C-alpha atoms as a PDB file:
ATOM      1  CA  UNK A   1    -257.780-102.689 -12.689  1.00  0.00           C
ATOM      2  CA  UNK A   2    -258.439-105.548 -10.580  1.00  0.00           C
ATOM      3  CA  UNK A   3    -261.476-106.182  -9.117  1.00  0.00           C
ATOM      4  CA  UNK A   4    -260.863-105.088  -5.372  1.00  0.00           C
ATOM      5  CA  UNK A   5    -259.776-101.572  -6.504  1.00  0.00           C
ATOM      6  CA  UNK A   6    -262.706-100.804  -8.910  1.00  0.00           C
ATOM      7  CA  UNK A   7    -264.621-102.015  -5.623  1.00  0.00           C
ATOM      8  CA  UNK A   8    -262.068 -99.608  -3.299  1.00  0.00           C
ATOM      9  CA  UNK A   9    -262.778 -96.897  -5.903  1.00  0.00           C
ATOM     10  CA  UNK A  10    -266.942 -97.157  -6.886  1.00  0.00           C
ATOM     11  CA  UNK A  11    -267.157 -97.056  -2.357  1.00  0.00           C
ATOM     12  CA  UNK A  12    -265.286 -93.851  -2.280  1.00  0.00           C
ATOM     13  CA  UNK A  13    -267.040 -91.911  -4.984  1.00  0.00           C
ATOM     14  CA  UNK A  14    -270.128 -92.977  -3.426  1.00  0.00           C
ATOM     15  CA  UNK A  15    -268.865 -92.032   0.222  1.00  0.00           C
ATOM     16  CA  UNK A  16    -267.478 -88.792  -1.838  1.00  0.00           C
ATOM     17  CA  UNK A  17    -271.329 -87.867  -3.392  1.00  0.00           C
ATOM     18  CA  UNK A  18    -272.838 -88.592  -0.495  1.00  0.00           C
ATOM     19  CA  UNK A  19    -271.158 -86.930   1.318  1.00  0.00           C
ATOM     20  CA  UNK A  20    -271.765 -84.069  -0.887  1.00  0.00           C
ATOM     21  CA  UNK A  21    -267.982 -83.640  -1.345  1.00  0.00           C
ATOM     22  CA  UNK A  22    -267.011 -84.865  -4.785  1.00  0.00           C
ATOM     23  CA  UNK A  23    -265.979 -81.317  -6.176  1.00  0.00           C
ATOM     24  CA  UNK A  24    -266.028 -80.282  -9.646  1.00  0.00           C
ATOM     25  CA  UNK A  25    -265.891 -83.384 -12.175  1.00  0.00           C
ATOM     26  CA  UNK A  26    -262.131 -82.081 -12.737  1.00  0.00           C
ATOM     27  CA  UNK A  27    -261.202 -81.932  -8.546  1.00  0.00           C
ATOM     28  CA  UNK A  28    -263.270 -85.410  -8.918  1.00  0.00           C
ATOM     29  CA  UNK A  29    -260.806 -87.068 -11.140  1.00  0.00           C
ATOM     30  CA  UNK A  30    -258.034 -85.513  -8.274  1.00  0.00           C
ATOM     31  CA  UNK A  31    -259.295 -86.553  -5.768  1.00  0.00           C
ATOM     32  CA  UNK A  32    -259.615 -90.181  -7.549  1.00  0.00           C
ATOM     33  CA  UNK A  33    -256.244 -90.017  -8.995  1.00  0.00           C
ATOM     34  CA  UNK A  34    -257.913 -91.196 -12.471  1.00  0.00           C
ATOM     35  CA  UNK A  35    -258.825 -88.815 -15.659  1.00  0.00           C
ATOM     36  CA  UNK A  36    -261.530 -86.523 -15.770  1.00  0.00           C
ATOM     37  CA  UNK A  37    -263.278 -88.969 -18.163  1.00  0.00           C
ATOM     38  CA  UNK A  38    -262.577 -91.956 -15.965  1.00  0.00           C
ATOM     39  CA  UNK A  39    -264.726 -90.089 -13.970  1.00  0.00           C
ATOM     40  CA  UNK A  40    -267.163 -89.157 -15.820  1.00  0.00           C
ATOM     41  CA  UNK A  41    -267.004 -93.218 -16.805  1.00  0.00           C
ATOM     42  CA  UNK A  42    -267.515 -93.933 -13.346  1.00  0.00           C
ATOM     43  CA  UNK A  43    -270.189 -91.469 -12.940  1.00  0.00           C
ATOM     44  CA  UNK A  44    -271.982 -93.160 -16.080  1.00  0.00           C
ATOM     45  CA  UNK A  45    -272.103 -96.939 -14.802  1.00  0.00           C
ATOM     46  CA  UNK A  46    -273.775 -95.426 -11.549  1.00  0.00           C
ATOM     47  CA  UNK A  47    -276.004 -94.187 -13.622  1.00  0.00           C
ATOM     48  CA  UNK A  48    -276.548 -96.793 -15.687  1.00  0.00           C
ATOM     49  CA  UNK A  49    -276.750 -98.881 -12.433  1.00  0.00           C
ATOM     50  CA  UNK A  50    -280.052 -96.986 -11.062  1.00  0.00           C
ATOM     51  CA  UNK A  51    -278.179 -94.170  -8.519  1.00  0.00           C
ATOM     52  CA  UNK A  52    -280.082 -90.885  -9.756  1.00  0.00           C
ATOM     53  CA  UNK A  53    -277.071 -88.281  -9.986  1.00  0.00           C
ATOM     54  CA  UNK A  54    -276.328 -84.938 -11.256  1.00  0.00           C
ATOM     55  CA  UNK A  55    -274.178 -82.167 -10.904  1.00  0.00           C
ATOM     56  CA  UNK A  56    -275.121 -79.536  -8.562  1.00  0.00           C
ATOM     57  CA  UNK A  57    -273.611 -76.275  -9.368  1.00  0.00           C
ATOM     58  CA  UNK A  58    -274.648 -74.391  -6.060  1.00  0.00           C
ATOM     59  CA  UNK A  59    -273.277 -77.125  -4.146  1.00  0.00           C
ATOM     60  CA  UNK A  60    -269.622 -77.500  -6.957  1.00  0.00           C
ATOM     61  CA  UNK A  61    -270.627 -81.467  -6.486  1.00  0.00           C
ATOM     62  CA  UNK A  62    -272.244 -84.698  -7.633  1.00  0.00           C
ATOM     63  CA  UNK A  63    -274.642 -85.290  -5.720  1.00  0.00           C
ATOM     64  CA  UNK A  64    -278.432 -88.268  -5.597  1.00  0.00           C
ATOM     65  CA  UNK A  65    -280.806 -85.822  -6.997  1.00  0.00           C
ATOM     66  CA  UNK A  66    -284.109 -87.230  -5.802  1.00  0.00           C
ATOM     67  CA  UNK A  67    -285.488 -84.420  -4.324  1.00  0.00           C
ATOM     68  CA  UNK A  68    -288.322 -84.250  -1.386  1.00  0.00           C
ATOM     69  CA  UNK A  69    -290.931 -82.171  -1.671  1.00  0.00           C
ATOM     70  CA  UNK A  70    -289.521 -80.169   1.650  1.00  0.00           C
ATOM     71  CA  UNK A  71    -287.700 -77.084   0.065  1.00  0.00           C
ATOM     72  CA  UNK A  72    -286.309 -78.929  -2.595  1.00  0.00           C
ATOM     73  CA  UNK A  73    -283.556 -80.334  -0.480  1.00  0.00           C
ATOM     74  CA  UNK A  74    -281.508 -82.905  -1.779  1.00  0.00           C
ATOM     75  CA  UNK A  75    -281.606 -86.498  -0.076  1.00  0.00           C
ATOM     76  CA  UNK A  76    -280.649 -89.775  -0.759  1.00  0.00           C
ATOM     77  CA  UNK A  77    -283.139 -92.335  -2.335  1.00  0.00           C
ATOM     78  CA  UNK A  78    -281.872 -96.108  -2.205  1.00  0.00           C
ATOM     79  CA  UNK A  79    -282.546 -97.375  -5.516  1.00  0.00           C
ATOM     80  CA  UNK A  80    -280.471 -99.799  -6.333  1.00  0.00           C
ATOM     81  CA  UNK A  81    -278.742-102.203  -3.848  1.00  0.00           C
ATOM     82  CA  UNK A  82    -275.196-101.435  -4.946  1.00  0.00           C
ATOM     83  CA  UNK A  83    -274.354 -99.965  -2.109  1.00  0.00           C
ATOM     84  CA  UNK A  84    -275.332-102.502   0.265  1.00  0.00           C
ATOM     85  CA  UNK A  85    -273.266-105.031  -1.804  1.00  0.00           C
ATOM     86  CA  UNK A  86    -270.260-102.560  -2.025  1.00  0.00           C
ATOM     87  CA  UNK A  87    -269.013-103.331   1.752  1.00  0.00           C
ATOM     88  CA  UNK A  88    -269.507-106.833   1.154  1.00  0.00           C
ATOM     89  CA  UNK A  89    -267.953-107.547  -1.841  1.00  0.00           C
ATOM     90  CA  UNK A  90    -265.174-105.283  -0.869  1.00  0.00           C
ATOM     91  CA  UNK A  91    -264.453-107.680   2.282  1.00  0.00           C
ATOM     92  CA  UNK A  92    -264.269-110.546   0.567  1.00  0.00           C
ATOM     93  CA  UNK A  93    -261.596-109.752  -1.752  1.00  0.00           C
ATOM     94  CA  UNK A  94    -259.863-108.088   0.463  1.00  0.00           C
END
């Protein structure tokens, strides 16, 4: 897969996580057009980059797992620069 395709794929994955709409691991694989194992590898890659991601059985979606002290609400924690780098990289490659 080309670098451009990876950038687009990871951007889509981060967007789905942010919206809490990844679905189950099987549904995520279908949304990304990859195998369930490959989708799992992408989640692990993001974790390795510092994203705190977990699967929420209640929401049936991967979510950012930085928990606020207010009613255990899941919030996005900007602990990695990749979210700001991806759009610039995508524009450079496309």
